[in-house]
Amino acid sequence: MAVAADQNRRLHQLDVKTAFLNGELEEELYMQQQPGFNLDEQPLVCRMHRSIYGLNQAPRCWYLKLVEQLSSLGYEP
């Protein structure tokens, strides 16, 4: 932050606290609802469209989305 202030540059903040919740899954993934959540006393299964904490795919999904966004802004590795 000191370098940005010294060189009169703008800073942007990125909230990565909920980053894993923004990743989109490429494969079909199903999850059984938690006990006490279903209303009909029947076990319900939900298809996941986005990643959640605890999934093995969550970090990779978020990374792919981040790379896509950075590339669209003109950044390259």
C-alpha atoms as a PDB file:
ATOM      1  CA  MET A   1       0.000   0.000   0.000  1.00  0.00           C
ATOM      2  CA  ALA A   2       2.916   2.291   0.669  1.00  0.00           C
ATOM      3  CA  VAL A   3       4.274   1.778  -2.862  1.00  0.00           C
ATOM      4  CA  ALA A   4       0.846   2.515  -4.375  1.00  0.00           C
ATOM      5  CA  ALA A   5       0.537   5.693  -2.309  1.00  0.00           C
ATOM      6  CA  ASP A   6       4.073   6.754  -3.208  1.00  0.00           C
ATOM      7  CA  GLN A   7       3.497   6.244  -6.938  1.00  0.00           C
ATOM      8  CA  ASN A   8      -0.017   7.726  -6.825  1.00  0.00           C
ATOM      9  CA  ARG A   9      -1.694   4.496  -7.957  1.00  0.00           C
ATOM     10  CA  ARG A  10      -5.195   3.210  -7.280  1.00  0.00           C
ATOM     11  CA  LEU A  11      -5.771   0.120  -5.159  1.00  0.00           C
ATOM     12  CA  HIS A  12      -8.571  -2.387  -5.588  1.00  0.00           C
ATOM     13  CA  GLN A  13      -9.731  -4.827  -2.950  1.00  0.00           C
ATOM     14  CA  LEU A  14     -10.710  -8.424  -3.642  1.00  0.00           C
ATOM     15  CA  ASP A  15     -12.809 -10.381  -1.168  1.00  0.00           C
ATOM     16  CA  VAL A  16     -11.584 -13.970  -1.211  1.00  0.00           C
ATOM     17  CA  LYS A  17     -13.503 -14.961   1.909  1.00  0.00           C
ATOM     18  CA  THR A  18     -16.350 -16.368  -0.189  1.00  0.00           C
ATOM     19  CA  ALA A  19     -14.279 -17.184  -3.269  1.00  0.00           C
ATOM     20  CA  PHE A  20     -14.980 -20.922  -3.245  1.00  0.00           C
ATOM     21  CA  LEU A  21     -18.721 -20.221  -3.449  1.00  0.00           C
ATOM     22  CA  ASN A  22     -18.292 -18.559  -6.852  1.00  0.00           C
ATOM     23  CA  GLY A  23     -16.770 -21.489  -8.720  1.00  0.00           C
ATOM     24  CA  GLU A  24     -18.986 -23.220 -11.279  1.00  0.00           C
ATOM     25  CA  LEU A  25     -18.856 -27.007 -11.459  1.00  0.00           C
ATOM     26  CA  GLU A  26     -18.211 -28.599 -14.838  1.00  0.00           C
ATOM     27  CA  GLU A  27     -19.280 -32.122 -13.882  1.00  0.00           C
ATOM     28  CA  GLU A  28     -22.560 -33.368 -12.461  1.00  0.00           C
ATOM     29  CA  LEU A  29     -22.376 -33.563  -8.694  1.00  0.00           C
ATOM     30  CA  TYR A  30     -25.182 -34.522  -6.328  1.00  0.00           C
ATOM     31  CA  MET A  31     -25.432 -34.000  -2.578  1.00  0.00           C
ATOM     32  CA  GLN A  32     -27.858 -35.437  -0.048  1.00  0.00           C
ATOM     33  CA  GLN A  33     -29.585 -32.831   2.114  1.00  0.00           C
ATOM     34  CA  GLN A  34     -28.554 -32.498   5.736  1.00  0.00           C
ATOM     35  CA  PRO A  35     -30.631 -34.269   8.415  1.00  0.00           C
ATOM     36  CA  GLY A  36     -33.479 -32.072   9.636  1.00  0.00           C
ATOM     37  CA  PHE A  37     -33.484 -29.935   6.492  1.00  0.00           C
ATOM     38  CA  ASN A  38     -35.999 -31.830   4.369  1.00  0.00           C
ATOM     39  CA  LEU A  39     -39.672 -31.164   4.994  1.00  0.00           C
ATOM     40  CA  ASP A  40     -41.288 -34.390   3.732  1.00  0.00           C
ATOM     41  CA  GLU A  41     -39.211 -36.857   5.775  1.00  0.00           C
ATOM     42  CA  GLN A  42     -37.933 -38.323   2.503  1.00  0.00           C
ATOM     43  CA  PRO A  43     -34.235 -38.191   1.700  1.00  0.00           C
ATOM     44  CA  LEU A  44     -33.803 -35.530  -0.963  1.00  0.00           C
ATOM     45  CA  VAL A  45     -30.868 -35.222  -3.314  1.00  0.00           C
ATOM     46  CA  CYS A  46     -29.807 -31.916  -4.835  1.00  0.00           C
ATOM     47  CA  ARG A  47     -27.707 -31.321  -7.934  1.00  0.00           C
ATOM     48  CA  MET A  48     -24.897 -28.889  -7.264  1.00  0.00           C
ATOM     49  CA  HIS A  49     -24.340 -26.088  -9.795  1.00  0.00           C
ATOM     50  CA  ARG A  50     -21.729 -24.173  -7.813  1.00  0.00           C
ATOM     51  CA  SER A  51     -18.928 -25.303  -5.586  1.00  0.00           C
ATOM     52  CA  ILE A  52     -19.095 -25.158  -1.809  1.00  0.00           C
ATOM     53  CA  TYR A  53     -16.510 -25.368   0.938  1.00  0.00           C
ATOM     54  CA  GLY A  54     -15.324 -28.906   1.507  1.00  0.00           C
ATOM     55  CA  LEU A  55     -15.525 -30.083  -2.100  1.00  0.00           C
ATOM     56  CA  ASN A  56     -12.308 -31.345  -3.605  1.00  0.00           C
ATOM     57  CA  GLN A  57     -13.145 -29.424  -6.787  1.00  0.00           C
ATOM     58  CA  ALA A  58     -13.759 -26.052  -5.052  1.00  0.00           C
ATOM     59  CA  PRO A  59     -10.208 -24.621  -5.277  1.00  0.00           C
ATOM     60  CA  ARG A  60      -9.833 -25.677  -8.913  1.00  0.00           C
ATOM     61  CA  CYS A  61     -13.231 -24.215  -9.918  1.00  0.00           C
ATOM     62  CA  TRP A  62     -12.374 -20.888  -8.330  1.00  0.00           C
ATOM     63  CA  TYR A  63      -8.905 -20.839  -9.900  1.00  0.00           C
ATOM     64  CA  LEU A  64     -10.324 -21.447 -13.395  1.00  0.00           C
ATOM     65  CA  LYS A  65     -12.837 -18.633 -12.966  1.00  0.00           C
ATOM     66  CA  LEU A  66     -10.126 -16.278 -11.668  1.00  0.00           C
ATOM     67  CA  VAL A  67      -7.820 -17.061 -14.610  1.00  0.00           C
ATOM     68  CA  GLU A  68     -10.690 -16.490 -17.050  1.00  0.00           C
ATOM     69  CA  GLN A  69     -11.474 -13.082 -15.554  1.00  0.00           C
ATOM     70  CA  LEU A  70      -7.836 -11.984 -15.419  1.00  0.00           C
ATOM     71  CA  SER A  71      -7.323 -13.059 -19.040  1.00  0.00           C
ATOM     72  CA  SER A  72     -10.346 -11.027 -20.132  1.00  0.00           C
ATOM     73  CA  LEU A  73      -8.722  -7.984 -18.507  1.00  0.00           C
ATOM     74  CA  GLY A  74      -5.546  -8.502 -20.557  1.00  0.00           C
ATOM     75  CA  TYR A  75      -3.370 -10.210 -17.947  1.00  0.00           C
ATOM     76  CA  GLU A  76      -1.316 -13.178 -19.035  1.00  0.00           C
ATOM     77  CA  PRO A  77       0.889 -15.625 -17.151  1.00  0.00           C
END
